[in-house]
């Protein structure tokens, strides 16, 4: 009788204590899905035939521009050029490390302007090596920009004629407005590696590129390589 009473009391005590809550099981597949990084996707508004815009590329560049002629164009996502300069009389030289291009390096200054051009606008980069001041020559690179796309690129060697040293430093558009004569030789070949392009007027707009194997048909400068890096864009309405 005593045993029966003790058993009943024990059953009553254990039934009063709530059972510990069970944690629901989480499958390993579900856990992995919740922490995995999302797969990068192309934005729906991004055209497939152009390079995507970045912090440095503020306009679209057609992928087909790498096959344009006579001047080709493609973005380069490496380090920006350290300074503006022109290498003239570039030639291929054989060294112990292989064939390299060498030329006379001329420090230069560069400036960028956003100008009306044939119903659209052009980003015009002027490159002015100090060593060319006496000959009144400079380089110009023009990017035709329409509706946010680079639709064309040209490079030319400009030489002031009928002017003087005070006219050196003006691009061909400014020379035209000032009524100063000049000659221009368009590049018969060359390629541009574009590091930064921003036509937006303002002090912070960065533009940078390298030009390789340019031929302007001028024996005085020969084959030309160049680089530019300039901050700030001036606009003309």
Protein backbone atom coordinates (compact mmCIF):
# COMPACT_ATOMS: atom_id res chain seq x y z
CA UNK A 1 0.00 0.00 0.00
CA UNK A 2 2.85 2.37 0.90
CA UNK A 3 4.57 1.60 -2.40
CA UNK A 4 1.44 2.43 -4.38
CA UNK A 5 1.05 5.77 -2.59
CA UNK A 6 4.75 6.70 -3.26
CA UNK A 7 4.43 5.81 -6.93
CA UNK A 8 1.34 7.97 -7.26
CA UNK A 9 3.07 10.95 -5.61
CA UNK A 10 6.10 10.61 -7.92
CA UNK A 11 3.89 10.50 -11.01
CA UNK A 12 2.08 13.62 -9.85
CA UNK A 13 5.38 15.52 -9.32
CA UNK A 14 6.82 14.65 -12.76
CA UNK A 15 3.60 15.52 -14.57
CA UNK A 16 3.70 19.03 -13.02
CA UNK A 17 7.16 19.83 -14.44
CA UNK A 18 6.88 21.13 -18.07
CA UNK A 19 8.89 19.32 -20.68
CA UNK A 20 11.86 21.30 -22.11
CA UNK A 21 11.06 23.06 -25.41
CA UNK A 22 12.63 21.44 -28.43
CA UNK A 23 14.62 23.60 -30.85
CA UNK A 24 13.45 22.98 -34.43
CA UNK A 25 16.09 21.37 -36.60
CA UNK A 26 17.60 23.53 -39.36
CA UNK A 27 18.85 21.73 -42.42
CA UNK A 28 22.40 22.40 -43.51
CA UNK A 29 21.16 23.40 -46.95
CA UNK A 30 18.91 26.11 -45.47
CA UNK A 31 21.71 27.42 -43.24
CA UNK A 32 24.13 27.73 -46.15
CA UNK A 33 21.58 29.56 -48.30
CA UNK A 34 20.94 32.19 -45.62
CA UNK A 35 24.62 33.24 -45.32
CA UNK A 36 25.78 32.88 -48.92
CA UNK A 37 26.64 36.10 -50.78
CA UNK A 38 24.18 36.97 -53.55
CA UNK A 39 25.33 36.28 -57.07
CA UNK A 40 26.18 39.55 -58.87
CA UNK A 41 23.77 40.40 -61.64
CA UNK A 42 23.84 42.83 -64.53
CA UNK A 43 21.44 45.69 -63.99
CA UNK A 44 18.38 45.45 -66.20
CA UNK A 45 19.03 48.94 -67.55
CA UNK A 46 22.64 48.14 -68.48
CA UNK A 47 23.01 47.60 -72.26
CA UNK A 48 24.96 44.40 -72.99
CA UNK A 49 27.06 45.91 -75.79
CA UNK A 50 28.78 48.60 -73.70
CA UNK A 51 31.17 48.71 -70.78
CA UNK A 52 29.41 49.32 -67.48
CA UNK A 53 29.75 52.71 -65.87
CA UNK A 54 32.03 52.96 -62.83
CA UNK A 55 33.22 55.70 -60.49
CA UNK A 56 35.80 56.62 -63.15
CA UNK A 57 33.82 55.86 -66.32
CA UNK A 58 30.87 58.24 -66.21
CA UNK A 59 29.69 57.59 -69.78
CA UNK A 60 29.07 54.41 -71.72
CA UNK A 61 31.81 53.09 -74.02
CA UNK A 62 30.80 50.68 -76.79
CA UNK A 63 32.60 47.34 -76.67
CA UNK A 64 32.98 47.62 -80.44
CA UNK A 65 35.13 50.74 -79.91
CA UNK A 66 38.13 48.44 -79.41
CA UNK A 67 37.86 47.75 -83.17
CA UNK A 68 37.34 51.33 -84.33
CA UNK A 69 39.70 52.70 -86.96
CA UNK A 70 41.93 54.64 -87.25
CA UNK A 71 41.76 55.25 -83.47
CA UNK A 72 40.50 52.47 -81.22
CA UNK A 73 39.25 52.89 -77.68
CA UNK A 74 38.73 50.63 -74.70
CA UNK A 75 38.62 51.06 -70.92
CA UNK A 76 41.54 50.02 -68.76
CA UNK A 77 40.84 49.37 -65.08
CA UNK A 78 44.47 49.47 -63.97
CA UNK A 79 46.34 52.25 -62.16
CA UNK A 80 45.79 55.79 -63.42
CA UNK A 81 48.65 57.54 -65.23
CA UNK A 82 50.79 59.43 -62.74
CA UNK A 83 51.15 62.52 -64.90
CA UNK A 84 50.61 64.01 -68.35
CA UNK A 85 53.44 63.48 -70.83
CA UNK A 86 54.26 62.86 -74.47
CA UNK A 87 56.83 60.42 -75.80
CA UNK A 88 57.95 61.43 -79.30
CA UNK A 89 60.09 59.55 -81.83
CA UNK A 90 59.01 56.26 -80.28
CA UNK A 91 60.74 53.25 -81.76
CA UNK A 92 61.08 49.57 -80.92
CA UNK A 93 64.42 48.70 -79.32
CA UNK A 94 65.75 45.24 -78.57
CA UNK A 95 67.00 44.73 -75.02
CA UNK A 96 68.02 41.76 -72.89
CA UNK A 97 64.44 41.69 -71.58
CA UNK A 98 62.96 41.70 -75.06
CA UNK A 99 61.64 44.32 -77.44
CA UNK A 100 60.51 47.57 -75.82
CA UNK A 101 59.28 50.96 -77.06
CA UNK A 102 61.46 53.94 -76.27
CA UNK A 103 61.21 57.61 -77.09
CA UNK A 104 61.96 61.09 -75.88
CA UNK A 105 59.79 61.77 -72.83
CA UNK A 106 58.34 65.28 -72.66
CA UNK A 107 56.48 66.43 -69.52
CA UNK A 108 53.23 68.12 -70.43
CA UNK A 109 50.17 69.75 -68.98
CA UNK A 110 46.64 68.80 -69.95
CA UNK A 111 43.24 70.41 -69.75
CA UNK A 112 39.69 69.26 -70.49
CA UNK A 113 36.81 71.20 -72.03
CA UNK A 114 33.19 70.32 -72.74
CA UNK A 115 32.34 71.99 -76.04
CA UNK A 116 29.51 72.11 -78.60
CA UNK A 117 30.39 69.99 -81.63
CA UNK A 118 28.26 69.34 -84.73
CA UNK A 119 24.93 69.32 -82.92
CA UNK A 120 26.24 67.27 -80.00
CA UNK A 121 29.05 67.90 -77.56
CA UNK A 122 32.67 66.81 -77.38
CA UNK A 123 35.03 66.30 -74.50
CA UNK A 124 38.24 67.88 -75.79
CA UNK A 125 41.53 67.05 -74.07
CA UNK A 126 44.46 69.32 -74.91
CA UNK A 127 47.98 68.05 -74.17
CA UNK A 128 50.77 70.65 -74.19
CA UNK A 129 54.40 69.48 -73.84
CA UNK A 130 56.60 72.39 -72.73
CA UNK A 131 59.24 71.31 -75.28
CA UNK A 132 56.76 72.04 -78.08
CA UNK A 133 56.14 75.64 -77.07
CA UNK A 134 58.59 77.08 -79.62
CA UNK A 135 57.07 75.05 -82.45
CA UNK A 136 53.55 76.01 -81.23
CA UNK A 137 52.34 72.39 -81.38
CA UNK A 138 50.05 70.43 -79.13
CA UNK A 139 47.94 67.26 -79.17
CA UNK A 140 44.17 67.10 -79.00
CA UNK A 141 41.94 64.13 -78.25
CA UNK A 142 38.24 64.57 -78.94
CA UNK A 143 35.52 62.29 -77.61
CA UNK A 144 32.15 62.78 -79.27
CA UNK A 145 29.52 62.19 -76.58
CA UNK A 146 25.84 61.82 -77.41
CA UNK A 147 23.08 60.82 -74.98
CA UNK A 148 25.65 59.50 -72.49
CA UNK A 149 27.57 57.35 -75.01
CA UNK A 150 31.01 57.88 -76.55
CA UNK A 151 30.15 57.72 -80.24
CA UNK A 152 33.55 58.62 -81.71
CA UNK A 153 37.14 59.50 -80.89
CA UNK A 154 39.77 61.46 -82.84
CA UNK A 155 43.31 62.55 -82.13
CA UNK A 156 45.19 65.30 -83.94
CA UNK A 157 48.43 67.22 -83.92
CA UNK A 158 47.68 70.96 -83.98
CA UNK A 159 50.21 73.67 -84.88
CA UNK A 160 49.49 77.40 -84.59
CA UNK A 161 50.19 79.35 -87.78
CA UNK A 162 50.02 83.11 -88.05
CA UNK A 163 50.01 83.46 -84.26
CA UNK A 164 52.66 83.60 -81.57
CA UNK A 165 53.67 82.08 -78.22
CA UNK A 166 50.74 83.72 -76.48
CA UNK A 167 48.41 81.59 -78.60
CA UNK A 168 50.10 78.36 -77.55
CA UNK A 169 47.92 76.76 -74.90
CA UNK A 170 44.69 77.36 -76.83
CA UNK A 171 42.88 74.39 -78.33
CA UNK A 172 41.67 74.39 -81.92
CA UNK A 173 38.21 75.59 -80.89
CA UNK A 174 39.63 78.58 -79.02
CA UNK A 175 42.00 79.34 -81.90
CA UNK A 176 39.04 79.36 -84.28
CA UNK A 177 37.10 81.77 -82.07
CA UNK A 178 40.16 84.03 -81.80
CA UNK A 179 40.64 84.04 -85.58
CA UNK A 180 44.12 82.50 -85.31
CA UNK A 181 45.20 80.17 -88.09
CA UNK A 182 46.40 76.65 -87.41
CA UNK A 183 47.07 73.35 -89.15
CA UNK A 184 45.93 69.96 -87.96
CA UNK A 185 47.08 66.45 -88.76
CA UNK A 186 44.73 63.65 -87.78
CA UNK A 187 46.19 60.41 -86.51
CA UNK A 188 46.41 57.70 -89.13
CA UNK A 189 46.52 55.07 -86.41
CA UNK A 190 46.60 54.67 -82.64
CA UNK A 191 44.78 53.19 -79.67
CA UNK A 192 43.57 54.77 -76.45
CA UNK A 193 43.35 53.03 -73.08
CA UNK A 194 40.74 54.94 -71.13
CA UNK A 195 41.13 55.06 -67.35
CA UNK A 196 38.70 57.85 -66.48
CA UNK A 197 36.21 59.90 -68.46
CA UNK A 198 33.86 62.45 -66.97
CA UNK A 199 32.57 65.28 -69.18
CA UNK A 200 30.56 66.88 -66.38
CA UNK A 201 31.73 70.51 -65.93
CA UNK A 202 33.32 71.18 -62.57
CA UNK A 203 36.56 71.15 -60.64
CA UNK A 204 36.36 67.52 -59.50
CA UNK A 205 35.78 65.79 -62.84
CA UNK A 206 38.67 63.42 -63.55
CA UNK A 207 39.87 62.41 -67.01
CA UNK A 208 42.81 60.12 -67.70
CA UNK A 209 44.06 57.92 -70.54
CA UNK A 210 47.09 56.55 -72.36
CA UNK A 211 47.62 56.72 -76.10
CA UNK A 212 49.82 54.17 -77.87
CA UNK A 213 51.44 54.02 -81.32
CA UNK A 214 50.02 57.23 -82.77
CA UNK A 215 51.16 58.33 -86.19
CA UNK A 216 50.38 61.90 -87.27
CA UNK A 217 52.53 61.90 -90.41
CA UNK A 218 54.89 64.48 -88.89
CA UNK A 219 58.56 63.53 -89.18
CA UNK A 220 59.39 66.07 -86.48
CA UNK A 221 57.56 64.15 -83.78
CA UNK A 222 57.59 60.67 -85.31
CA UNK A 223 55.54 57.97 -83.68
CA UNK A 224 53.94 59.24 -80.48
CA UNK A 225 52.78 57.77 -77.19
CA UNK A 226 51.09 59.98 -74.63
CA UNK A 227 49.32 59.98 -71.31
CA UNK A 228 47.15 62.54 -69.61
CA UNK A 229 45.60 62.98 -66.21
CA UNK A 230 43.67 66.15 -65.55
CA UNK A 231 41.09 67.20 -62.99
CA UNK A 232 38.45 69.76 -63.79
CA UNK A 233 36.34 70.36 -66.88
CA UNK A 234 35.46 73.76 -68.27
CA UNK A 235 32.28 74.11 -70.29
CA UNK A 236 31.38 76.45 -73.09
CA UNK A 237 27.75 77.08 -73.97
